[in-house]
């Protein structure tokens, strides 16, 4: 799975939220400052080349549908992230966030409860 650029990730988030869409629908669904239509169309073409979306033809237009789920992407991205930055140690990652005060004691307790109860 090829890594996505920030623009590609933003487009994919919109596509996942819509469960697919035409370029105009995807553009309307984007958060924040919206790129020009042609820029988004090029970004979606790149996503097609990377096999993240597939085009489905409707008359003379294409609707783009996700090939990979958001959960699959997150799992792959997190595995790469932890491997690249924390030497495959989720413990080191959690420790980093605690030290940086990005994770509170209460949140750690909630995580421990999820682990103990095997829930997400």
PDB file of N, CA and C in Angstrom:
ATOM      1  N   UNK A   1       0.843  -1.173   0.000  1.00  0.00           N
ATOM      2  CA  UNK A   1       0.000   0.000   0.000  1.00  0.00           C
ATOM      3  C   UNK A   1       0.890   1.239   0.000  1.00  0.00           C
ATOM      4  N   UNK A   2       0.681   2.083  -0.989  1.00  0.00           N
ATOM      5  CA  UNK A   2       1.497   3.278  -1.132  1.00  0.00           C
ATOM      6  C   UNK A   2       0.999   4.375  -0.187  1.00  0.00           C
ATOM      7  N   UNK A   3       1.938   5.101   0.423  1.00  0.00           N
ATOM      8  CA  UNK A   3       1.588   6.174   1.356  1.00  0.00           C
ATOM      9  C   UNK A   3       0.865   7.302   0.618  1.00  0.00           C
ATOM     10  N   UNK A   4      -0.078   7.928   1.304  1.00  0.00           N
ATOM     11  CA  UNK A   4      -0.838   9.015   0.717  1.00  0.00           C
ATOM     12  C   UNK A   4      -0.265  10.366   1.130  1.00  0.00           C
ATOM     13  N   UNK A   5      -0.402  11.342   0.240  1.00  0.00           N
ATOM     14  CA  UNK A   5      -0.042  12.716   0.580  1.00  0.00           C
ATOM     15  C   UNK A   5      -1.157  13.291   1.455  1.00  0.00           C
ATOM     16  N   UNK A   6      -0.920  14.445   2.030  1.00  0.00           N
ATOM     17  CA  UNK A   6      -1.943  15.096   2.858  1.00  0.00           C
ATOM     18  C   UNK A   6      -3.205  15.356   2.043  1.00  0.00           C
ATOM     19  N   UNK A   7      -3.049  15.850   0.810  1.00  0.00           N
ATOM     20  CA  UNK A   7      -4.204  16.126  -0.046  1.00  0.00           C
ATOM     21  C   UNK A   7      -4.959  14.842  -0.376  1.00  0.00           C
ATOM     22  N   UNK A   8      -4.223  13.769  -0.615  1.00  0.00           N
ATOM     23  CA  UNK A   8      -4.863  12.487  -0.912  1.00  0.00           C
ATOM     24  C   UNK A   8      -5.615  11.955   0.305  1.00  0.00           C
ATOM     25  N   UNK A   9      -5.021  12.107   1.491  1.00  0.00           N
ATOM     26  CA  UNK A   9      -5.707  11.663   2.712  1.00  0.00           C
ATOM     27  C   UNK A   9      -6.988  12.449   2.938  1.00  0.00           C
ATOM     28  N   UNK A  10      -6.943  13.756   2.706  1.00  0.00           N
ATOM     29  CA  UNK A  10      -8.146  14.579   2.874  1.00  0.00           C
ATOM     30  C   UNK A  10      -9.238  14.144   1.901  1.00  0.00           C
ATOM     31  N   UNK A  11      -8.849  13.857   0.663  1.00  0.00           N
ATOM     32  CA  UNK A  11      -9.823  13.390  -0.320  1.00  0.00           C
ATOM     33  C   UNK A  11     -10.386  12.035   0.096  1.00  0.00           C
ATOM     34  N   UNK A  12      -9.522  11.144   0.563  1.00  0.00           N
ATOM     35  CA  UNK A  12      -9.988   9.821   0.989  1.00  0.00           C
ATOM     36  C   UNK A  12     -10.943   9.930   2.177  1.00  0.00           C
ATOM     37  N   UNK A  13     -10.658  10.815   3.124  1.00  0.00           N
ATOM     38  CA  UNK A  13     -11.564  11.001   4.261  1.00  0.00           C
ATOM     39  C   UNK A  13     -12.954  11.385   3.770  1.00  0.00           C
ATOM     40  N   UNK A  14     -13.002  12.281   2.797  1.00  0.00           N
ATOM     41  CA  UNK A  14     -14.285  12.697   2.227  1.00  0.00           C
ATOM     42  C   UNK A  14     -14.964  11.530   1.509  1.00  0.00           C
ATOM     43  N   UNK A  15     -14.193  10.767   0.754  1.00  0.00           N
ATOM     44  CA  UNK A  15     -14.736   9.605   0.023  1.00  0.00           C
ATOM     45  C   UNK A  15     -15.262   8.568   1.004  1.00  0.00           C
ATOM     46  N   UNK A  16     -14.523   8.311   2.080  1.00  0.00           N
ATOM     47  CA  UNK A  16     -14.987   7.349   3.084  1.00  0.00           C
ATOM     48  C   UNK A  16     -16.267   7.833   3.753  1.00  0.00           C
ATOM     49  N   UNK A  17     -16.331   9.120   4.082  1.00  0.00           N
ATOM     50  CA  UNK A  17     -17.530   9.670   4.724  1.00  0.00           C
ATOM     51  C   UNK A  17     -18.756   9.520   3.823  1.00  0.00           C
ATOM     52  N   UNK A  18     -18.555   9.726   2.536  1.00  0.00           N
ATOM     53  CA  UNK A  18     -19.661   9.645   1.576  1.00  0.00           C
ATOM     54  C   UNK A  18     -19.907   8.218   1.087  1.00  0.00           C
ATOM     55  N   UNK A  19     -18.981   7.328   1.390  1.00  0.00           N
ATOM     56  CA  UNK A  19     -18.974   5.977   0.817  1.00  0.00           C
ATOM     57  C   UNK A  19     -18.959   6.053  -0.714  1.00  0.00           C
ATOM     58  N   UNK A  20     -18.125   6.953  -1.217  1.00  0.00           N
ATOM     59  CA  UNK A  20     -17.979   7.158  -2.644  1.00  0.00           C
ATOM     60  C   UNK A  20     -18.739   8.390  -3.102  1.00  0.00           C
ATOM     61  N   UNK A  21     -18.312   8.925  -4.251  1.00  0.00           N
ATOM     62  CA  UNK A  21     -19.015  10.090  -4.782  1.00  0.00           C
ATOM     63  C   UNK A  21     -18.376  10.600  -6.048  1.00  0.00           C
ATOM     64  N   UNK A  22     -19.092  11.530  -6.679  1.00  0.00           N
ATOM     65  CA  UNK A  22     -18.566  12.236  -7.837  1.00  0.00           C
ATOM     66  C   UNK A  22     -17.625  13.325  -7.328  1.00  0.00           C
ATOM     67  N   UNK A  23     -16.740  13.821  -8.178  1.00  0.00           N
ATOM     68  CA  UNK A  23     -15.742  14.808  -7.756  1.00  0.00           C
ATOM     69  C   UNK A  23     -16.428  15.994  -7.075  1.00  0.00           C
ATOM     70  N   UNK A  24     -17.516  16.495  -7.634  1.00  0.00           N
ATOM     71  CA  UNK A  24     -18.235  17.645  -7.058  1.00  0.00           C
ATOM     72  C   UNK A  24     -18.745  17.328  -5.650  1.00  0.00           C
ATOM     73  N   UNK A  25     -19.281  16.141  -5.443  1.00  0.00           N
ATOM     74  CA  UNK A  25     -19.767  15.747  -4.116  1.00  0.00           C
ATOM     75  C   UNK A  25     -18.617  15.667  -3.113  1.00  0.00           C
ATOM     76  N   UNK A  26     -17.507  15.091  -3.570  1.00  0.00           N
ATOM     77  CA  UNK A  26     -16.330  14.956  -2.710  1.00  0.00           C
ATOM     78  C   UNK A  26     -15.808  16.341  -2.344  1.00  0.00           C
ATOM     79  N   UNK A  27     -15.766  17.241  -3.324  1.00  0.00           N
ATOM     80  CA  UNK A  27     -15.313  18.613  -3.101  1.00  0.00           C
ATOM     81  C   UNK A  27     -16.212  19.319  -2.087  1.00  0.00           C
ATOM     82  N   UNK A  28     -17.522  19.200  -2.257  1.00  0.00           N
ATOM     83  CA  UNK A  28     -18.467  19.849  -1.341  1.00  0.00           C
ATOM     84  C   UNK A  28     -18.340  19.314   0.077  1.00  0.00           C
ATOM     85  N   UNK A  29     -17.922  18.064   0.225  1.00  0.00           N
ATOM     86  CA  UNK A  29     -17.823  17.426   1.535  1.00  0.00           C
ATOM     87  C   UNK A  29     -16.494  17.715   2.257  1.00  0.00           C
ATOM     88  N   UNK A  30     -15.506  18.244   1.538  1.00  0.00           N
ATOM     89  CA  UNK A  30     -14.201  18.525   2.147  1.00  0.00           C
ATOM     90  C   UNK A  30     -14.323  19.587   3.227  1.00  0.00           C
ATOM     91  N   UNK A  31     -13.536  19.430   4.273  1.00  0.00           N
ATOM     92  CA  UNK A  31     -13.506  20.384   5.380  1.00  0.00           C
ATOM     93  C   UNK A  31     -12.461  21.459   5.099  1.00  0.00           C
ATOM     94  N   UNK A  32     -12.669  22.641   5.654  1.00  0.00           N
ATOM     95  CA  UNK A  32     -11.681  23.705   5.534  1.00  0.00           C
ATOM     96  C   UNK A  32     -11.631  24.304   4.148  1.00  0.00           C
ATOM     97  N   UNK A  33     -10.462  24.835   3.805  1.00  0.00           N
ATOM     98  CA  UNK A  33     -10.273  25.480   2.506  1.00  0.00           C
ATOM     99  C   UNK A  33     -10.317  24.428   1.397  1.00  0.00           C
ATOM    100  N   UNK A  34     -11.153  24.656   0.420  1.00  0.00           N
ATOM    101  CA  UNK A  34     -11.350  23.674  -0.647  1.00  0.00           C
ATOM    102  C   UNK A  34     -10.412  23.958  -1.823  1.00  0.00           C
ATOM    103  N   UNK A  35      -9.797  22.917  -2.369  1.00  0.00           N
ATOM    104  CA  UNK A  35      -8.929  23.098  -3.536  1.00  0.00           C
ATOM    105  C   UNK A  35      -9.784  23.350  -4.783  1.00  0.00           C
ATOM    106  N   UNK A  36      -9.172  23.834  -5.857  1.00  0.00           N
ATOM    107  CA  UNK A  36      -9.928  23.947  -7.109  1.00  0.00           C
ATOM    108  C   UNK A  36     -10.404  22.559  -7.564  1.00  0.00           C
ATOM    109  N   UNK A  37     -11.510  22.544  -8.289  1.00  0.00           N
ATOM    110  CA  UNK A  37     -12.099  21.302  -8.785  1.00  0.00           C
ATOM    111  C   UNK A  37     -11.067  20.461  -9.534  1.00  0.00           C
ATOM    112  N   UNK A  38     -10.293  21.103 -10.429  1.00  0.00           N
ATOM    113  CA  UNK A  38      -9.325  20.360 -11.242  1.00  0.00           C
ATOM    114  C   UNK A  38      -8.211  19.745 -10.392  1.00  0.00           C
ATOM    115  N   UNK A  39      -7.831  20.429  -9.330  1.00  0.00           N
ATOM    116  CA  UNK A  39      -6.806  19.898  -8.427  1.00  0.00           C
ATOM    117  C   UNK A  39      -7.320  18.648  -7.731  1.00  0.00           C
ATOM    118  N   UNK A  40      -8.570  18.723  -7.241  1.00  0.00           N
ATOM    119  CA  UNK A  40      -9.159  17.558  -6.589  1.00  0.00           C
ATOM    120  C   UNK A  40      -9.318  16.410  -7.580  1.00  0.00           C
ATOM    121  N   UNK A  41      -9.724  16.716  -8.799  1.00  0.00           N
ATOM    122  CA  UNK A  41      -9.868  15.663  -9.821  1.00  0.00           C
ATOM    123  C   UNK A  41      -8.532  14.970 -10.070  1.00  0.00           C
ATOM    124  N   UNK A  42      -7.447  15.730 -10.103  1.00  0.00           N
ATOM    125  CA  UNK A  42      -6.105  15.146 -10.276  1.00  0.00           C
ATOM    126  C   UNK A  42      -5.718  14.298  -9.070  1.00  0.00           C
ATOM    127  N   UNK A  43      -6.047  14.776  -7.890  1.00  0.00           N
ATOM    128  CA  UNK A  43      -5.760  14.032  -6.662  1.00  0.00           C
ATOM    129  C   UNK A  43      -6.494  12.693  -6.677  1.00  0.00           C
ATOM    130  N   UNK A  44      -7.751  12.712  -7.095  1.00  0.00           N
ATOM    131  CA  UNK A  44      -8.544  11.484  -7.144  1.00  0.00           C
ATOM    132  C   UNK A  44      -7.991  10.531  -8.203  1.00  0.00           C
ATOM    133  N   UNK A  45      -7.501  11.067  -9.317  1.00  0.00           N
ATOM    134  CA  UNK A  45      -6.845  10.228 -10.332  1.00  0.00           C
ATOM    135  C   UNK A  45      -5.629   9.532  -9.731  1.00  0.00           C
ATOM    136  N   UNK A  46      -4.865  10.255  -8.901  1.00  0.00           N
ATOM    137  CA  UNK A  46      -3.712   9.645  -8.225  1.00  0.00           C
ATOM    138  C   UNK A  46      -4.166   8.536  -7.289  1.00  0.00           C
ATOM    139  N   UNK A  47      -5.276   8.759  -6.583  1.00  0.00           N
ATOM    140  CA  UNK A  47      -5.817   7.735  -5.694  1.00  0.00           C
ATOM    141  C   UNK A  47      -6.227   6.498  -6.490  1.00  0.00           C
ATOM    142  N   UNK A  48      -6.737   6.713  -7.682  1.00  0.00           N
ATOM    143  CA  UNK A  48      -7.109   5.590  -8.558  1.00  0.00           C
ATOM    144  C   UNK A  48      -5.852   4.825  -8.976  1.00  0.00           C
ATOM    145  N   UNK A  49      -4.795   5.542  -9.344  1.00  0.00           N
ATOM    146  CA  UNK A  49      -3.534   4.900  -9.737  1.00  0.00           C
ATOM    147  C   UNK A  49      -2.931   4.105  -8.589  1.00  0.00           C
ATOM    148  N   UNK A  50      -3.112   4.601  -7.364  1.00  0.00           N
ATOM    149  CA  UNK A  50      -2.580   3.925  -6.179  1.00  0.00           C
ATOM    150  C   UNK A  50      -3.526   2.835  -5.677  1.00  0.00           C
ATOM    151  N   UNK A  51      -4.631   2.626  -6.380  1.00  0.00           N
ATOM    152  CA  UNK A  51      -5.625   1.584  -6.063  1.00  0.00           C
ATOM    153  C   UNK A  51      -6.356   1.805  -4.741  1.00  0.00           C
ATOM    154  N   UNK A  52      -6.599   3.064  -4.398  1.00  0.00           N
ATOM    155  CA  UNK A  52      -7.393   3.384  -3.214  1.00  0.00           C
ATOM    156  C   UNK A  52      -8.870   3.562  -3.578  1.00  0.00           C
ATOM    157  N   UNK A  53      -9.128   3.992  -4.813  1.00  0.00           N
ATOM    158  CA  UNK A  53     -10.500   4.162  -5.295  1.00  0.00           C
ATOM    159  C   UNK A  53     -10.635   3.512  -6.663  1.00  0.00           C
ATOM    160  N   UNK A  54     -11.883   3.209  -7.015  1.00  0.00           N
ATOM    161  CA  UNK A  54     -12.156   2.695  -8.356  1.00  0.00           C
ATOM    162  C   UNK A  54     -13.267   3.546  -8.964  1.00  0.00           C
ATOM    163  N   UNK A  55     -13.140   3.849 -10.254  1.00  0.00           N
ATOM    164  CA  UNK A  55     -14.186   4.636 -10.901  1.00  0.00           C
ATOM    165  C   UNK A  55     -15.338   3.729 -11.351  1.00  0.00           C
ATOM    166  N   UNK A  56     -16.543   4.219 -11.172  1.00  0.00           N
ATOM    167  CA  UNK A  56     -17.735   3.532 -11.667  1.00  0.00           C
ATOM    168  C   UNK A  56     -18.429   4.524 -12.593  1.00  0.00           C
ATOM    169  N   UNK A  57     -18.583   4.140 -13.845  1.00  0.00           N
ATOM    170  CA  UNK A  57     -19.122   5.060 -14.845  1.00  0.00           C
ATOM    171  C   UNK A  57     -20.644   5.147 -14.742  1.00  0.00           C
ATOM    172  N   UNK A  58     -21.123   6.400 -14.727  1.00  0.00           N
ATOM    173  CA  UNK A  58     -22.548   6.712 -14.782  1.00  0.00           C
ATOM    174  C   UNK A  58     -22.726   7.691 -15.927  1.00  0.00           C
ATOM    175  N   UNK A  59     -23.287   7.209 -17.043  1.00  0.00           N
ATOM    176  CA  UNK A  59     -23.426   8.009 -18.269  1.00  0.00           C
ATOM    177  C   UNK A  59     -22.045   8.540 -18.656  1.00  0.00           C
ATOM    178  N   UNK A  60     -21.860   9.859 -18.634  1.00  0.00           N
ATOM    179  CA  UNK A  60     -20.557  10.413 -19.025  1.00  0.00           C
ATOM    180  C   UNK A  60     -19.737  10.883 -17.816  1.00  0.00           C
ATOM    181  N   UNK A  61     -20.125  10.478 -16.637  1.00  0.00           N
ATOM    182  CA  UNK A  61     -19.407  10.877 -15.417  1.00  0.00           C
ATOM    183  C   UNK A  61     -18.903   9.644 -14.679  1.00  0.00           C
ATOM    184  N   UNK A  62     -17.914   9.860 -13.822  1.00  0.00           N
ATOM    185  CA  UNK A  62     -17.366   8.773 -13.006  1.00  0.00           C
ATOM    186  C   UNK A  62     -17.630   9.060 -11.537  1.00  0.00           C
ATOM    187  N   UNK A  63     -18.099   8.037 -10.848  1.00  0.00           N
ATOM    188  CA  UNK A  63     -18.281   8.094  -9.393  1.00  0.00           C
ATOM    189  C   UNK A  63     -17.148   7.254  -8.803  1.00  0.00           C
ATOM    190  N   UNK A  64     -16.463   7.803  -7.829  1.00  0.00           N
ATOM    191  CA  UNK A  64     -15.303   7.118  -7.253  1.00  0.00           C
ATOM    192  C   UNK A  64     -15.695   6.451  -5.940  1.00  0.00           C
ATOM    193  N   UNK A  65     -15.415   5.157  -5.867  1.00  0.00           N
ATOM    194  CA  UNK A  65     -15.751   4.366  -4.686  1.00  0.00           C
ATOM    195  C   UNK A  65     -14.475   3.859  -4.030  1.00  0.00           C
ATOM    196  N   UNK A  66     -14.459   3.820  -2.688  1.00  0.00           N
ATOM    197  CA  UNK A  66     -13.253   3.355  -2.002  1.00  0.00           C
ATOM    198  C   UNK A  66     -13.013   1.865  -2.240  1.00  0.00           C
ATOM    199  N   UNK A  67     -11.760   1.507  -2.444  1.00  0.00           N
ATOM    200  CA  UNK A  67     -11.361   0.107  -2.595  1.00  0.00           C
ATOM    201  C   UNK A  67     -10.898  -0.428  -1.247  1.00  0.00           C
ATOM    202  N   UNK A  68     -10.318   0.449  -0.452  1.00  0.00           N
ATOM    203  CA  UNK A  68      -9.805   0.085   0.866  1.00  0.00           C
ATOM    204  C   UNK A  68     -10.631   0.838   1.920  1.00  0.00           C
ATOM    205  N   UNK A  69     -10.916   0.180   3.023  1.00  0.00           N
ATOM    206  CA  UNK A  69     -11.707   0.824   4.075  1.00  0.00           C
ATOM    207  C   UNK A  69     -10.820   1.754   4.903  1.00  0.00           C
ATOM    208  N   UNK A  70     -11.473   2.669   5.580  1.00  0.00           N
ATOM    209  CA  UNK A  70     -10.749   3.594   6.451  1.00  0.00           C
ATOM    210  C   UNK A  70     -10.026   2.834   7.563  1.00  0.00           C
ATOM    211  N   UNK A  71     -10.655   1.781   8.070  1.00  0.00           N
ATOM    212  CA  UNK A  71     -10.047   0.985   9.139  1.00  0.00           C
ATOM    213  C   UNK A  71      -8.783   0.285   8.649  1.00  0.00           C
ATOM    214  N   UNK A  72      -8.827  -0.263   7.429  1.00  0.00           N
ATOM    215  CA  UNK A  72      -7.637  -0.920   6.861  1.00  0.00           C
ATOM    216  C   UNK A  72      -6.491   0.080   6.716  1.00  0.00           C
ATOM    217  N   UNK A  73      -6.823   1.281   6.237  1.00  0.00           N
ATOM    218  CA  UNK A  73      -5.803   2.303   6.056  1.00  0.00           C
ATOM    219  C   UNK A  73      -5.201   2.719   7.397  1.00  0.00           C
ATOM    220  N   UNK A  74      -6.063   2.949   8.395  1.00  0.00           N
ATOM    221  CA  UNK A  74      -5.575   3.342   9.717  1.00  0.00           C
ATOM    222  C   UNK A  74      -4.642   2.277  10.296  1.00  0.00           C
ATOM    223  N   UNK A  75      -5.037   1.017  10.168  1.00  0.00           N
ATOM    224  CA  UNK A  75      -4.215  -0.065  10.708  1.00  0.00           C
ATOM    225  C   UNK A  75      -2.839  -0.079  10.041  1.00  0.00           C
ATOM    226  N   UNK A  76      -2.809   0.029   8.728  1.00  0.00           N
ATOM    227  CA  UNK A  76      -1.541   0.018   7.993  1.00  0.00           C
ATOM    228  C   UNK A  76      -0.706   1.245   8.344  1.00  0.00           C
ATOM    229  N   UNK A  77      -1.370   2.416   8.381  1.00  0.00           N
ATOM    230  CA  UNK A  77      -0.670   3.657   8.692  1.00  0.00           C
ATOM    231  C   UNK A  77      -0.076   3.596  10.100  1.00  0.00           C
ATOM    232  N   UNK A  78      -0.852   3.139  11.063  1.00  0.00           N
ATOM    233  CA  UNK A  78      -0.363   3.083  12.443  1.00  0.00           C
ATOM    234  C   UNK A  78       0.781   2.085  12.583  1.00  0.00           C
ATOM    235  N   UNK A  79       0.683   0.951  11.915  1.00  0.00           N
ATOM    236  CA  UNK A  79       1.790  -0.016  11.964  1.00  0.00           C
ATOM    237  C   UNK A  79       3.075   0.603  11.429  1.00  0.00           C
ATOM    238  N   UNK A  80       2.963   1.324  10.310  1.00  0.00           N
ATOM    239  CA  UNK A  80       4.138   1.986   9.740  1.00  0.00           C
ATOM    240  C   UNK A  80       4.644   3.087  10.657  1.00  0.00           C
ATOM    241  N   UNK A  81       3.722   3.865  11.216  1.00  0.00           N
ATOM    242  CA  UNK A  81       4.075   4.966  12.108  1.00  0.00           C
ATOM    243  C   UNK A  81       4.822   4.455  13.342  1.00  0.00           C
ATOM    244  N   UNK A  82       4.275   3.450  13.978  1.00  0.00           N
ATOM    245  CA  UNK A  82       4.906   2.888  15.183  1.00  0.00           C
ATOM    246  C   UNK A  82       6.249   2.257  14.821  1.00  0.00           C
ATOM    247  N   UNK A  83       6.300   1.593  13.686  1.00  0.00           N
ATOM    248  CA  UNK A  83       7.558   0.985  13.251  1.00  0.00           C
ATOM    249  C   UNK A  83       8.622   2.020  12.954  1.00  0.00           C
ATOM    250  N   UNK A  84       8.237   3.104  12.266  1.00  0.00           N
ATOM    251  CA  UNK A  84       9.197   4.133  11.876  1.00  0.00           C
ATOM    252  C   UNK A  84       9.670   4.990  13.046  1.00  0.00           C
ATOM    253  N   UNK A  85       8.758   5.343  13.940  1.00  0.00           N
ATOM    254  CA  UNK A  85       9.092   6.309  14.983  1.00  0.00           C
ATOM    255  C   UNK A  85       9.331   5.700  16.363  1.00  0.00           C
ATOM    256  N   UNK A  86       8.815   4.495  16.599  1.00  0.00           N
ATOM    257  CA  UNK A  86       8.912   3.912  17.940  1.00  0.00           C
ATOM    258  C   UNK A  86       9.462   2.487  17.925  1.00  0.00           C
ATOM    259  N   UNK A  87      10.174   2.128  16.871  1.00  0.00           N
ATOM    260  CA  UNK A  87      10.821   0.808  16.761  1.00  0.00           C
ATOM    261  C   UNK A  87       9.849  -0.334  17.051  1.00  0.00           C
ATOM    262  N   UNK A  88       8.640  -0.216  16.521  1.00  0.00           N
ATOM    263  CA  UNK A  88       7.579  -1.229  16.674  1.00  0.00           C
ATOM    264  C   UNK A  88       7.121  -1.419  18.116  1.00  0.00           C
ATOM    265  N   UNK A  89       7.344  -0.441  18.980  1.00  0.00           N
ATOM    266  CA  UNK A  89       6.939  -0.550  20.377  1.00  0.00           C
ATOM    267  C   UNK A  89       5.765   0.388  20.665  1.00  0.00           C
ATOM    268  N   UNK A  90       4.592  -0.207  20.835  1.00  0.00           N
ATOM    269  CA  UNK A  90       3.421   0.596  21.194  1.00  0.00           C
ATOM    270  C   UNK A  90       3.580   1.156  22.606  1.00  0.00           C
ATOM    271  N   UNK A  91       4.287   0.443  23.454  1.00  0.00           N
ATOM    272  CA  UNK A  91       4.568   0.930  24.803  1.00  0.00           C
ATOM    273  C   UNK A  91       5.368   2.228  24.735  1.00  0.00           C
ATOM    274  N   UNK A  92       6.393   2.262  23.884  1.00  0.00           N
ATOM    275  CA  UNK A  92       7.187   3.484  23.721  1.00  0.00           C
ATOM    276  C   UNK A  92       6.332   4.619  23.170  1.00  0.00           C
ATOM    277  N   UNK A  93       5.410   4.294  22.277  1.00  0.00           N
ATOM    278  CA  UNK A  93       4.537   5.318  21.721  1.00  0.00           C
ATOM    279  C   UNK A  93       3.646   5.914  22.823  1.00  0.00           C
ATOM    280  N   UNK A  94       3.036   5.055  23.619  1.00  0.00           N
ATOM    281  CA  UNK A  94       2.176   5.532  24.710  1.00  0.00           C
ATOM    282  C   UNK A  94       2.998   6.346  25.696  1.00  0.00           C
ATOM    283  N   UNK A  95       4.187   5.872  26.014  1.00  0.00           N
ATOM    284  CA  UNK A  95       5.077   6.581  26.927  1.00  0.00           C
ATOM    285  C   UNK A  95       5.398   7.982  26.393  1.00  0.00           C
ATOM    286  N   UNK A  96       5.643   8.081  25.108  1.00  0.00           N
ATOM    287  CA  UNK A  96       5.916   9.375  24.477  1.00  0.00           C
ATOM    288  C   UNK A  96       4.740  10.326  24.677  1.00  0.00           C
ATOM    289  N   UNK A  97       3.525   9.846  24.425  1.00  0.00           N
ATOM    290  CA  UNK A  97       2.350  10.703  24.554  1.00  0.00           C
ATOM    291  C   UNK A  97       2.087  11.102  26.004  1.00  0.00           C
ATOM    292  N   UNK A  98       2.407  10.237  26.924  1.00  0.00           N
ATOM    293  CA  UNK A  98       2.272  10.579  28.349  1.00  0.00           C
ATOM    294  C   UNK A  98       3.275  11.672  28.705  1.00  0.00           C
ATOM    295  N   UNK A  99       4.533  11.502  28.290  1.00  0.00           N
ATOM    296  CA  UNK A  99       5.573  12.490  28.586  1.00  0.00           C
ATOM    297  C   UNK A  99       5.251  13.850  27.965  1.00  0.00           C
ATOM    298  N   UNK A 100       4.664  13.825  26.797  1.00  0.00           N
ATOM    299  CA  UNK A 100       4.305  15.066  26.102  1.00  0.00           C
ATOM    300  C   UNK A 100       2.990  15.652  26.615  1.00  0.00           C
ATOM    301  N   UNK A 101       2.413  14.992  27.622  1.00  0.00           N
ATOM    302  CA  UNK A 101       1.146  15.404  28.232  1.00  0.00           C
ATOM    303  C   UNK A 101       0.001  15.445  27.219  1.00  0.00           C
ATOM    304  N   UNK A 102       0.019  14.518  26.300  1.00  0.00           N
ATOM    305  CA  UNK A 102      -1.053  14.374  25.311  1.00  0.00           C
ATOM    306  C   UNK A 102      -2.030  13.286  25.729  1.00  0.00           C
ATOM    307  N   UNK A 103      -1.688  12.561  26.785  1.00  0.00           N
ATOM    308  CA  UNK A 103      -2.494  11.453  27.273  1.00  0.00           C
ATOM    309  C   UNK A 103      -2.565  11.566  28.791  1.00  0.00           C
ATOM    310  N   UNK A 104      -3.773  11.649  29.312  1.00  0.00           N
ATOM    311  CA  UNK A 104      -3.949  11.831  30.757  1.00  0.00           C
ATOM    312  C   UNK A 104      -4.028  10.482  31.477  1.00  0.00           C
ATOM    313  N   UNK A 105      -3.920  10.541  32.804  1.00  0.00           N
ATOM    314  CA  UNK A 105      -4.062   9.338  33.617  1.00  0.00           C
ATOM    315  C   UNK A 105      -5.426   8.699  33.432  1.00  0.00           C
ATOM    316  N   UNK A 106      -6.457   9.531  33.338  1.00  0.00           N
ATOM    317  CA  UNK A 106      -7.819   9.021  33.127  1.00  0.00           C
ATOM    318  C   UNK A 106      -7.916   8.288  31.787  1.00  0.00           C
ATOM    319  N   UNK A 107      -7.311   8.861  30.752  1.00  0.00           N
ATOM    320  CA  UNK A 107      -7.330   8.213  29.451  1.00  0.00           C
ATOM    321  C   UNK A 107      -6.559   6.891  29.478  1.00  0.00           C
ATOM    322  N   UNK A 108      -5.443   6.877  30.211  1.00  0.00           N
ATOM    323  CA  UNK A 108      -4.680   5.628  30.355  1.00  0.00           C
ATOM    324  C   UNK A 108      -5.518   4.558  31.048  1.00  0.00           C
ATOM    325  N   UNK A 109      -6.269   4.965  32.073  1.00  0.00           N
ATOM    326  CA  UNK A 109      -7.158   4.021  32.755  1.00  0.00           C
ATOM    327  C   UNK A 109      -8.209   3.468  31.788  1.00  0.00           C
ATOM    328  N   UNK A 110      -8.762   4.347  30.957  1.00  0.00           N
ATOM    329  CA  UNK A 110      -9.755   3.911  29.969  1.00  0.00           C
ATOM    330  C   UNK A 110      -9.137   2.914  28.985  1.00  0.00           C
ATOM    331  N   UNK A 111      -7.900   3.178  28.585  1.00  0.00           N
ATOM    332  CA  UNK A 111      -7.198   2.264  27.678  1.00  0.00           C
ATOM    333  C   UNK A 111      -6.979   0.917  28.361  1.00  0.00           C
ATOM    334  N   UNK A 112      -6.573   0.961  29.625  1.00  0.00           N
ATOM    335  CA  UNK A 112      -6.361  -0.291  30.378  1.00  0.00           C
ATOM    336  C   UNK A 112      -7.662  -1.076  30.495  1.00  0.00           C
ATOM    337  N   UNK A 113      -8.767  -0.385  30.739  1.00  0.00           N
ATOM    338  CA  UNK A 113     -10.068  -1.053  30.812  1.00  0.00           C
ATOM    339  C   UNK A 113     -10.412  -1.701  29.470  1.00  0.00           C
ATOM    340  N   UNK A 114     -10.136  -0.986  28.374  1.00  0.00           N
ATOM    341  CA  UNK A 114     -10.406  -1.562  27.047  1.00  0.00           C
ATOM    342  C   UNK A 114      -9.569  -2.822  26.826  1.00  0.00           C
ATOM    343  N   UNK A 115      -8.306  -2.775  27.241  1.00  0.00           N
ATOM    344  CA  UNK A 115      -7.422  -3.934  27.084  1.00  0.00           C
ATOM    345  C   UNK A 115      -7.932  -5.102  27.918  1.00  0.00           C
ATOM    346  N   UNK A 116      -8.260  -4.806  29.176  1.00  0.00           N
ATOM    347  CA  UNK A 116      -8.752  -5.858  30.072  1.00  0.00           C
ATOM    348  C   UNK A 116     -10.057  -6.484  29.578  1.00  0.00           C
ATOM    349  N   UNK A 117     -10.917  -5.638  29.028  1.00  0.00           N
ATOM    350  CA  UNK A 117     -12.226  -6.119  28.552  1.00  0.00           C
ATOM    351  C   UNK A 117     -12.202  -6.490  27.076  1.00  0.00           C
ATOM    352  N   UNK A 118     -11.027  -6.365  26.444  1.00  0.00           N
ATOM    353  CA  UNK A 118     -10.850  -6.702  25.035  1.00  0.00           C
ATOM    354  C   UNK A 118     -11.888  -5.996  24.159  1.00  0.00           C
ATOM    355  N   UNK A 119     -12.059  -4.701  24.407  1.00  0.00           N
ATOM    356  CA  UNK A 119     -13.032  -3.885  23.651  1.00  0.00           C
ATOM    357  C   UNK A 119     -12.301  -2.728  23.004  1.00  0.00           C
ATOM    358  N   UNK A 120     -12.940  -2.204  21.973  1.00  0.00           N
ATOM    359  CA  UNK A 120     -12.380  -1.005  21.319  1.00  0.00           C
ATOM    360  C   UNK A 120     -13.288   0.173  21.514  1.00  0.00           C
TER     361      UNK A 120
END
